[in-house]
N, C-alpha and C. Protein backbone atom coordinates (compact mmCIF):
# COMPACT_ATOMS: atom_id res chain seq x y z
N MET A 1 -20.21 -6.94 12.59
CA MET A 1 -18.89 -6.62 12.44
C MET A 1 -18.34 -5.37 11.14
N TYR A 2 -17.50 -4.67 11.46
CA TYR A 2 -17.36 -3.43 10.69
C TYR A 2 -16.21 -4.07 9.43
N ARG A 3 -16.42 -3.71 8.36
CA ARG A 3 -15.58 -3.98 7.12
C ARG A 3 -15.24 -2.66 6.59
N PRO A 4 -14.09 -1.98 6.75
CA PRO A 4 -13.78 -0.88 5.71
C PRO A 4 -13.17 -1.44 4.17
N THR A 5 -13.94 -0.86 3.33
CA THR A 5 -13.32 -1.02 1.94
C THR A 5 -12.51 0.21 1.47
N PHE A 6 -11.57 0.11 0.62
CA PHE A 6 -10.93 0.88 0.00
C PHE A 6 -11.27 0.63 -1.32
N ALA A 7 -11.68 1.47 -1.99
CA ALA A 7 -11.66 1.90 -3.47
C ALA A 7 -10.64 2.67 -3.71
N VAL A 8 -9.74 2.02 -4.66
CA VAL A 8 -8.58 2.65 -5.15
C VAL A 8 -8.80 2.81 -6.74
N ASP A 9 -8.93 3.94 -7.19
CA ASP A 9 -9.41 3.97 -8.63
C ASP A 9 -8.17 4.00 -9.51
N SER A 10 -6.88 3.87 -8.98
CA SER A 10 -5.60 3.74 -9.92
C SER A 10 -5.24 2.44 -10.46
N VAL A 11 -5.71 1.49 -9.43
CA VAL A 11 -5.86 -0.09 -10.23
C VAL A 11 -6.61 -0.20 -11.42
N GLY A 12 -6.26 -0.72 -12.27
CA GLY A 12 -7.02 -1.20 -13.34
C GLY A 12 -6.77 -0.35 -14.44
N ARG A 13 -5.88 0.85 -14.60
CA ARG A 13 -5.88 1.58 -15.87
C ARG A 13 -4.52 1.03 -16.45
N ASP A 14 -4.49 1.63 -17.79
CA ASP A 14 -3.26 0.79 -18.44
C ASP A 14 -2.26 1.71 -18.87
N ASP A 15 -2.48 3.20 -18.43
CA ASP A 15 -1.25 4.06 -18.85
C ASP A 15 -0.28 4.12 -17.99
N PRO A 16 1.18 3.96 -18.57
CA PRO A 16 2.05 3.93 -17.68
C PRO A 16 2.36 4.67 -15.93
N GLN A 17 1.47 5.89 -16.31
CA GLN A 17 1.60 7.07 -14.87
C GLN A 17 0.59 6.10 -14.09
N SER A 18 -0.37 5.66 -14.55
CA SER A 18 -1.51 4.92 -13.59
C SER A 18 -1.15 3.84 -13.30
N LEU A 19 -0.37 3.05 -14.13
CA LEU A 19 0.42 1.49 -13.32
C LEU A 19 1.33 1.97 -12.38
N GLU A 20 2.20 3.13 -12.34
CA GLU A 20 3.14 3.22 -11.57
C GLU A 20 2.55 3.62 -10.34
N LEU A 21 1.61 4.64 -10.45
CA LEU A 21 0.56 4.93 -9.17
C LEU A 21 -0.14 3.82 -8.54
N ALA A 22 -0.54 2.71 -9.13
CA ALA A 22 -1.44 1.76 -8.82
C ALA A 22 -0.21 0.98 -7.82
N LYS A 23 0.91 0.64 -8.39
CA LYS A 23 1.68 -0.20 -7.63
C LYS A 23 2.03 0.53 -6.30
N GLU A 24 2.37 1.92 -6.28
CA GLU A 24 2.69 2.81 -5.17
C GLU A 24 1.37 2.59 -4.12
N HIS A 25 -0.08 2.58 -4.70
CA HIS A 25 -1.10 2.50 -3.68
C HIS A 25 -1.19 1.40 -3.42
N MET A 26 -0.97 0.26 -4.10
CA MET A 26 -0.89 -1.22 -3.51
C MET A 26 0.10 -1.69 -2.42
N GLN A 27 1.10 -1.02 -2.76
CA GLN A 27 2.30 -1.42 -1.72
C GLN A 27 2.00 -0.73 -0.42
N ALA A 28 1.11 0.80 -0.26
CA ALA A 28 0.86 1.08 0.88
C ALA A 28 -0.15 0.07 1.61
N LEU A 29 -0.99 -0.38 0.53
CA LEU A 29 -2.03 -1.19 1.28
C LEU A 29 -1.65 -2.47 1.90
N LEU A 30 -0.56 -3.15 1.05
CA LEU A 30 0.07 -4.17 1.55
C LEU A 30 0.78 -4.23 2.93
N ASP A 31 1.43 -2.97 2.95
CA ASP A 31 2.36 -2.69 4.06
C ASP A 31 1.28 -2.63 5.26
N CYS A 32 0.09 -1.89 4.97
CA CYS A 32 -0.82 -1.95 6.15
C CYS A 32 -1.40 -3.20 6.34
N LEU A 33 -1.88 -4.13 5.44
CA LEU A 33 -2.58 -5.30 5.91
C LEU A 33 -1.43 -6.16 6.62
N THR A 34 -0.10 -6.00 6.14
CA THR A 34 1.28 -6.75 6.96
C THR A 34 0.99 -6.17 8.30
N ALA A 35 0.85 -4.92 8.32
CA ALA A 35 0.86 -4.43 10.08
C ALA A 35 -0.60 -4.97 10.70
N ILE A 36 -1.39 -4.95 9.97
CA ILE A 36 -2.42 -5.56 10.72
C ILE A 36 -2.47 -7.06 11.01
N ASP A 37 -1.71 -7.61 10.25
CA ASP A 37 -1.53 -8.95 10.68
C ASP A 37 -0.32 -9.23 11.81
N ARG A 38 0.66 -8.58 11.87
CA ARG A 38 1.62 -8.34 12.63
C ARG A 38 0.57 -8.06 14.24
N ALA A 39 0.22 -7.15 14.28
CA ALA A 39 -0.74 -6.67 15.47
C ALA A 39 -1.46 -8.06 16.03
N TYR A 40 -2.02 -8.87 15.13
CA TYR A 40 -2.73 -10.01 15.50
C TYR A 40 -1.73 -10.50 16.43
N MET A 41 -0.50 -11.19 15.87
CA MET A 41 0.37 -12.01 15.90
C MET A 41 1.18 -11.46 17.26
N ARG A 42 1.09 -10.45 17.72
CA ARG A 42 1.57 -9.97 18.93
C ARG A 42 0.56 -10.63 20.07
N ARG A 43 -0.54 -10.77 19.80
CA ARG A 43 -1.38 -10.98 20.90
C ARG A 43 -1.79 -12.59 20.88
N ARG A 44 -1.18 -13.37 19.58
CA ARG A 44 -1.80 -14.58 19.47
C ARG A 44 -1.00 -15.35 18.46
N GLN A 45 -0.45 -16.48 18.63
CA GLN A 45 0.43 -17.68 17.83
C GLN A 45 -0.25 -17.98 16.56
N TYR A 46 0.01 -18.27 15.45
CA TYR A 46 -0.42 -18.74 14.43
C TYR A 46 0.74 -19.68 13.78
N PRO A 47 -0.31 -20.70 13.43
CA PRO A 47 0.85 -21.75 12.67
C PRO A 47 1.26 -21.04 11.37
N ASP A 48 2.63 -21.66 11.02
CA ASP A 48 3.42 -21.07 9.90
C ASP A 48 2.82 -21.27 8.91
N ILE A 49 2.26 -19.97 8.19
CA ILE A 49 1.73 -20.25 6.63
C ILE A 49 2.25 -21.24 5.65
N MET A 50 3.63 -21.19 5.45
CA MET A 50 4.32 -22.22 4.69
C MET A 50 3.81 -23.45 5.00
N SER A 51 3.20 -23.88 6.02
CA SER A 51 3.30 -25.23 6.46
C SER A 51 1.86 -25.92 5.79
N GLY A 52 1.02 -25.24 5.05
CA GLY A 52 0.01 -25.95 4.42
C GLY A 52 -1.33 -25.90 5.20
N VAL A 53 -0.98 -24.89 6.12
CA VAL A 53 -2.42 -25.26 7.31
C VAL A 53 -3.50 -24.55 6.24
N VAL A 54 -3.42 -23.41 5.38
CA VAL A 54 -3.97 -23.09 4.54
C VAL A 54 -3.62 -23.27 3.05
N LYS A 55 -4.78 -23.13 2.05
CA LYS A 55 -4.43 -23.60 0.79
C LYS A 55 -4.78 -22.02 0.03
N TYR A 56 -4.18 -21.84 -1.29
CA TYR A 56 -4.20 -21.02 -2.15
C TYR A 56 -5.50 -20.97 -2.61
N ASP A 57 -6.52 -20.03 -2.84
CA ASP A 57 -7.81 -19.79 -3.57
C ASP A 57 -7.86 -18.71 -4.24
N GLN A 58 -7.83 -18.66 -5.34
CA GLN A 58 -8.18 -17.32 -6.33
C GLN A 58 -9.26 -16.67 -5.75
N ASP A 59 -9.54 -15.33 -5.66
CA ASP A 59 -10.59 -14.46 -5.42
C ASP A 59 -11.40 -14.69 -6.84
N ASN A 60 -12.68 -14.83 -6.81
CA ASN A 60 -13.61 -14.72 -8.19
C ASN A 60 -13.97 -13.52 -8.26
N PRO A 61 -13.59 -12.53 -9.46
CA PRO A 61 -13.96 -11.56 -9.48
C PRO A 61 -15.43 -11.39 -9.99
N PRO A 62 -16.07 -10.34 -9.60
CA PRO A 62 -17.64 -10.23 -9.78
C PRO A 62 -17.72 -9.94 -11.65
N PRO A 63 -18.67 -10.14 -12.23
CA PRO A 63 -18.93 -9.63 -13.95
C PRO A 63 -18.90 -8.58 -13.80
N GLY A 64 -18.06 -8.05 -15.08
CA GLY A 64 -17.96 -6.54 -15.20
C GLY A 64 -17.14 -5.94 -14.57
N SER A 65 -16.33 -6.36 -13.75
CA SER A 65 -15.13 -5.82 -13.02
C SER A 65 -14.08 -5.81 -13.62
N ALA A 66 -13.33 -4.51 -13.80
CA ALA A 66 -12.19 -4.30 -14.90
C ALA A 66 -11.18 -5.23 -14.44
N CYS A 67 -10.36 -5.16 -13.38
CA CYS A 67 -9.07 -5.89 -12.92
C CYS A 67 -9.90 -7.03 -12.02
N GLY A 68 -10.86 -6.89 -11.47
CA GLY A 68 -11.43 -7.85 -10.59
C GLY A 68 -11.39 -7.17 -9.34
N ASP A 69 -12.47 -7.46 -8.62
CA ASP A 69 -12.71 -6.62 -7.05
C ASP A 69 -12.04 -7.79 -6.38
N ASP A 70 -11.52 -7.27 -5.32
CA ASP A 70 -10.69 -8.26 -4.41
C ASP A 70 -10.84 -8.03 -2.68
N ASP A 71 -11.33 -8.99 -2.08
CA ASP A 71 -11.35 -9.08 -0.68
C ASP A 71 -10.00 -9.20 -0.07
N TRP A 72 -9.15 -8.35 0.80
CA TRP A 72 -8.02 -8.69 1.20
C TRP A 72 -8.47 -8.99 2.80
N SER A 73 -7.72 -10.23 2.91
CA SER A 73 -8.22 -10.56 4.37
C SER A 73 -7.10 -10.78 5.25
N ASP A 74 -7.13 -10.48 6.43
CA ASP A 74 -6.28 -10.96 7.56
C ASP A 74 -6.06 -12.12 8.24
N VAL A 75 -5.10 -12.08 8.88
CA VAL A 75 -4.64 -13.41 9.28
C VAL A 75 -5.81 -14.15 9.82
N GLU A 76 -6.58 -13.50 10.85
CA GLU A 76 -7.81 -14.08 11.36
C GLU A 76 -9.03 -14.77 10.35
N ILE A 77 -9.18 -13.89 9.57
CA ILE A 77 -10.12 -14.41 8.61
C ILE A 77 -9.33 -15.55 7.70
N VAL A 78 -8.26 -15.34 7.19
CA VAL A 78 -7.64 -16.62 6.56
C VAL A 78 -7.75 -17.79 7.32
N MET A 79 -7.26 -18.13 8.47
CA MET A 79 -6.98 -18.93 9.15
C MET A 79 -8.12 -19.67 9.39
N ARG A 80 -9.38 -18.75 9.52
CA ARG A 80 -10.54 -19.39 10.15
C ARG A 80 -11.49 -20.15 8.95
N ARG A 81 -11.19 -19.46 7.65
CA ARG A 81 -11.52 -20.12 6.49
C ARG A 81 -10.26 -20.94 5.65
N LYS A 82 -9.33 -21.23 6.11
CA LYS A 82 -8.52 -22.15 5.79
C LYS A 82 -7.87 -21.75 4.16
N ILE A 83 -8.39 -20.82 3.69
CA ILE A 83 -7.94 -20.33 2.15
C ILE A 83 -7.62 -18.83 2.21
N GLY A 84 -6.82 -18.36 1.15
CA GLY A 84 -6.40 -17.17 0.69
C GLY A 84 -5.71 -17.08 -0.50
N ASP A 85 -5.97 -15.60 -0.82
CA ASP A 85 -5.05 -15.42 -2.24
C ASP A 85 -3.94 -14.72 -2.18
N CYS A 86 -3.11 -14.26 -2.82
CA CYS A 86 -2.13 -13.72 -3.13
C CYS A 86 -1.62 -12.74 -2.12
N ASP A 87 -2.65 -11.83 -2.13
CA ASP A 87 -2.20 -10.73 -1.12
C ASP A 87 -2.19 -11.29 0.12
N ASP A 88 -3.40 -11.91 0.53
CA ASP A 88 -3.56 -12.47 2.09
C ASP A 88 -2.23 -13.40 2.65
N LEU A 89 -2.07 -13.91 1.65
CA LEU A 89 -0.98 -15.23 1.98
C LEU A 89 0.34 -14.34 2.17
N ALA A 90 0.73 -13.59 1.15
CA ALA A 90 1.75 -12.87 0.98
C ALA A 90 2.07 -11.81 2.47
N CYS A 91 0.94 -11.25 2.86
CA CYS A 91 0.95 -10.28 3.86
C CYS A 91 1.43 -11.23 5.14
N ILE A 92 0.65 -12.20 5.32
CA ILE A 92 0.75 -13.32 6.51
C ILE A 92 2.16 -13.46 6.62
N ARG A 93 2.70 -14.30 5.35
CA ARG A 93 4.15 -14.79 5.62
C ARG A 93 5.09 -13.38 5.82
N ALA A 94 5.06 -12.03 5.32
CA ALA A 94 5.59 -11.37 5.42
C ALA A 94 5.71 -10.98 7.16
N ALA A 95 4.52 -10.70 7.57
CA ALA A 95 4.38 -10.34 9.09
C ALA A 95 5.17 -11.81 9.88
N GLN A 96 4.76 -12.86 9.56
CA GLN A 96 5.41 -13.96 10.21
C GLN A 96 7.00 -13.66 10.26
N LEU A 97 7.70 -13.51 9.48
CA LEU A 97 9.22 -13.35 8.97
C LEU A 97 9.18 -12.11 9.79
N GLN A 98 8.54 -10.91 9.74
CA GLN A 98 9.16 -9.74 10.66
C GLN A 98 9.14 -9.97 11.92
N SER A 99 8.14 -10.86 12.56
CA SER A 99 8.18 -11.06 13.50
C SER A 99 9.40 -11.99 14.23
N LYS A 100 10.01 -12.72 13.09
CA LYS A 100 10.96 -13.45 13.51
C LYS A 100 12.46 -12.72 13.40
N GLY A 101 12.25 -11.06 12.89
CA GLY A 101 13.19 -10.12 13.02
C GLY A 101 13.89 -10.15 11.26
N ILE A 102 13.23 -10.65 10.51
CA ILE A 102 13.53 -10.64 8.97
C ILE A 102 12.67 -9.69 8.41
N SER A 103 13.22 -8.78 7.76
CA SER A 103 12.71 -7.53 7.15
C SER A 103 12.26 -7.88 5.93
N ALA A 104 11.03 -8.76 5.69
CA ALA A 104 10.45 -9.07 4.39
C ALA A 104 9.22 -8.17 4.37
N ARG A 105 8.94 -8.16 2.96
CA ARG A 105 7.92 -7.19 2.64
C ARG A 105 6.96 -7.90 1.58
N ALA A 106 5.58 -7.93 1.54
CA ALA A 106 4.77 -8.06 0.64
C ALA A 106 5.04 -7.25 -0.56
N ILE A 107 5.12 -7.55 -1.65
CA ILE A 107 5.21 -6.48 -2.98
C ILE A 107 4.40 -6.84 -3.80
N PRO A 108 3.89 -6.06 -4.82
CA PRO A 108 3.12 -6.24 -5.98
C PRO A 108 3.86 -6.27 -7.31
N LEU A 109 3.63 -7.47 -8.28
CA LEU A 109 4.23 -7.67 -9.10
C LEU A 109 3.61 -7.38 -10.43
N LEU A 110 3.43 -6.51 -11.42
CA LEU A 110 2.80 -6.50 -12.58
C LEU A 110 3.24 -7.87 -13.60
N ARG A 111 2.01 -8.39 -14.02
CA ARG A 111 1.93 -9.31 -14.80
C ARG A 111 1.12 -8.81 -16.17
N ARG A 112 1.84 -8.72 -17.42
CA ARG A 112 0.95 -8.31 -18.46
C ARG A 112 0.96 -9.43 -19.38
N ALA A 113 -0.32 -9.44 -19.98
CA ALA A 113 -0.52 -9.99 -21.01
C ALA A 113 -1.24 -9.62 -22.23
N PRO A 114 -1.20 -9.65 -23.28
CA PRO A 114 -1.79 -8.84 -24.30
C PRO A 114 -3.36 -8.75 -24.00
N GLY A 115 -3.71 -7.26 -24.15
CA GLY A 115 -4.79 -7.00 -23.86
C GLY A 115 -5.26 -6.75 -22.10
N GLU A 116 -4.25 -7.23 -21.55
CA GLU A 116 -4.78 -7.15 -20.04
C GLU A 116 -3.57 -7.16 -19.11
N HIS A 117 -4.02 -6.57 -18.06
CA HIS A 117 -2.76 -6.66 -17.11
C HIS A 117 -3.70 -7.22 -15.52
N ASN A 118 -2.68 -7.51 -14.45
CA ASN A 118 -3.06 -7.66 -12.91
C ASN A 118 -1.70 -7.78 -12.42
N TYR A 119 -1.81 -8.06 -10.89
CA TYR A 119 -0.88 -7.87 -9.91
C TYR A 119 -0.76 -9.36 -9.43
N HIS A 120 0.42 -9.51 -8.88
CA HIS A 120 0.43 -10.78 -8.14
C HIS A 120 1.49 -10.27 -7.18
N ILE A 121 0.98 -10.91 -5.75
CA ILE A 121 1.69 -10.24 -4.78
C ILE A 121 2.60 -11.41 -4.30
N VAL A 122 3.85 -11.37 -4.02
CA VAL A 122 4.69 -12.16 -3.50
C VAL A 122 5.68 -11.61 -2.14
N VAL A 123 6.55 -12.16 -1.60
CA VAL A 123 7.21 -11.61 -0.43
C VAL A 123 8.70 -11.43 -0.82
N LEU A 124 8.91 -10.09 -0.62
CA LEU A 124 10.50 -9.49 -0.92
C LEU A 124 11.16 -9.96 0.37
N TRP A 125 12.31 -11.01 0.35
CA TRP A 125 13.47 -11.47 1.09
C TRP A 125 14.60 -10.28 1.00
N PRO A 126 15.03 -10.21 2.35
CA PRO A 126 16.42 -9.06 2.32
C PRO A 126 17.36 -9.87 1.79
N PRO A 127 18.46 -8.91 1.42
CA PRO A 127 19.58 -9.79 0.84
C PRO A 127 20.45 -10.14 2.05
N GLY A 128 21.55 -11.13 1.85
CA GLY A 128 22.75 -10.78 2.88
C GLY A 128 22.43 -11.88 3.75
N LEU A 129 21.29 -12.62 3.80
CA LEU A 129 21.17 -13.55 4.97
C LEU A 129 22.09 -14.64 4.83
N ARG A 130 22.45 -15.38 5.81
CA ARG A 130 23.22 -16.53 5.87
C ARG A 130 22.89 -17.61 4.75
N SER A 131 21.31 -17.95 4.83
CA SER A 131 20.57 -19.08 4.22
C SER A 131 19.05 -18.53 3.83
N TYR A 132 18.67 -19.14 2.80
CA TYR A 132 17.21 -18.94 2.75
C TYR A 132 16.50 -20.15 2.51
N PRO A 133 15.24 -20.16 2.64
CA PRO A 133 14.81 -21.55 2.54
C PRO A 133 14.62 -22.04 1.22
N LYS A 134 14.09 -23.26 0.83
CA LYS A 134 14.12 -23.71 -0.64
C LYS A 134 13.08 -22.91 -1.23
N THR A 135 12.01 -22.30 -0.77
CA THR A 135 11.07 -21.44 -1.43
C THR A 135 11.41 -20.04 -1.86
N VAL A 136 12.69 -19.76 -1.61
CA VAL A 136 12.83 -18.22 -2.14
C VAL A 136 14.07 -18.11 -3.76
N TYR A 137 13.40 -17.53 -4.28
CA TYR A 137 14.27 -17.80 -5.74
C TYR A 137 14.63 -16.19 -6.05
N ARG A 138 15.25 -16.25 -6.99
CA ARG A 138 16.10 -14.95 -7.48
C ARG A 138 15.22 -14.71 -8.91
N ASP A 139 14.59 -13.26 -8.67
CA ASP A 139 13.66 -12.64 -9.83
C ASP A 139 14.03 -13.28 -11.21
N PRO A 140 13.52 -14.07 -11.81
CA PRO A 140 14.01 -14.06 -13.20
C PRO A 140 14.14 -12.80 -14.04
N THR A 141 13.82 -11.55 -13.95
CA THR A 141 13.90 -10.73 -14.98
C THR A 141 15.23 -9.97 -14.96
N GLY A 142 16.02 -10.53 -13.88
CA GLY A 142 17.45 -10.05 -13.84
C GLY A 142 17.58 -8.83 -12.78
N SER A 143 16.47 -8.67 -11.99
CA SER A 143 16.61 -7.90 -10.81
C SER A 143 17.50 -8.03 -9.95
N GLY A 144 17.65 -9.15 -9.54
CA GLY A 144 18.35 -9.88 -8.26
C GLY A 144 17.55 -9.97 -7.31
N LEU A 145 16.33 -9.74 -7.31
CA LEU A 145 15.64 -9.70 -5.83
C LEU A 145 15.40 -11.00 -5.54
N LEU A 146 15.41 -11.13 -4.25
CA LEU A 146 15.05 -12.52 -3.57
C LEU A 146 13.48 -12.61 -3.26
N LEU A 147 12.86 -13.37 -3.90
CA LEU A 147 11.44 -13.59 -3.81
C LEU A 147 11.01 -14.71 -3.09
N GLU A 148 9.85 -14.70 -2.68
CA GLU A 148 8.91 -16.13 -2.32
C GLU A 148 7.73 -16.11 -2.63
N ASP A 149 7.34 -17.06 -3.44
CA ASP A 149 5.62 -16.90 -3.76
C ASP A 149 4.92 -17.99 -2.79
N PRO A 150 4.33 -17.56 -1.67
CA PRO A 150 3.17 -18.47 -0.91
C PRO A 150 2.34 -19.21 -1.64
N SER A 151 1.50 -18.11 -2.78
CA SER A 151 0.58 -18.92 -3.37
C SER A 151 0.89 -19.82 -4.02
N TYR A 152 2.09 -20.01 -4.67
CA TYR A 152 2.49 -21.14 -5.52
C TYR A 152 2.40 -22.12 -4.68
N TRP A 153 3.48 -22.31 -3.44
CA TRP A 153 3.41 -23.37 -2.63
C TRP A 153 2.42 -23.80 -1.94
N LEU A 154 1.21 -23.20 -1.73
CA LEU A 154 0.33 -23.71 -1.40
C LEU A 154 -1.05 -23.57 -2.27
N GLY A 155 -0.63 -24.06 -3.32
CA GLY A 155 -1.69 -24.72 -4.55
C GLY A 155 -1.95 -23.74 -5.60
N MET A 156 -1.24 -22.74 -6.07
CA MET A 156 -1.69 -22.10 -7.07
C MET A 156 -0.93 -22.57 -8.36
N ARG A 157 -1.72 -22.95 -9.66
CA ARG A 157 -1.16 -23.59 -10.56
C ARG A 157 -1.40 -22.34 -11.74
């Protein structure tokens, strides 16, 4: 099996310019993984990720890793393993919604704590739909974004 690896140096730095660049780089990679999931979904039907068919499982970063190394897995791998972390689950969810004509997107949110930072990946829903599932909420920072956190609903605490 061929497994490409992307080493993205901007992720893990603390200065404002690097944080903004890391967010831009992560968005490009999230869009890519979502497109890969969509390609699989055009050829095969998968169960709704929110049905509980898989569970959230946080990747365990190796010792000495600044931000934690992270394997981003496509829908085939996640369904086989029955587990995924935030990037895996959000990209699958966004791909499933896109296949239904909903312009959802997996997006990175920066979480800051004293002395550290990390990213959490959620699904951005488009505004203006007639209704939303109970799993969608307004971003509490006041941005007005409509977000969904598959990791939370699939077991992250």
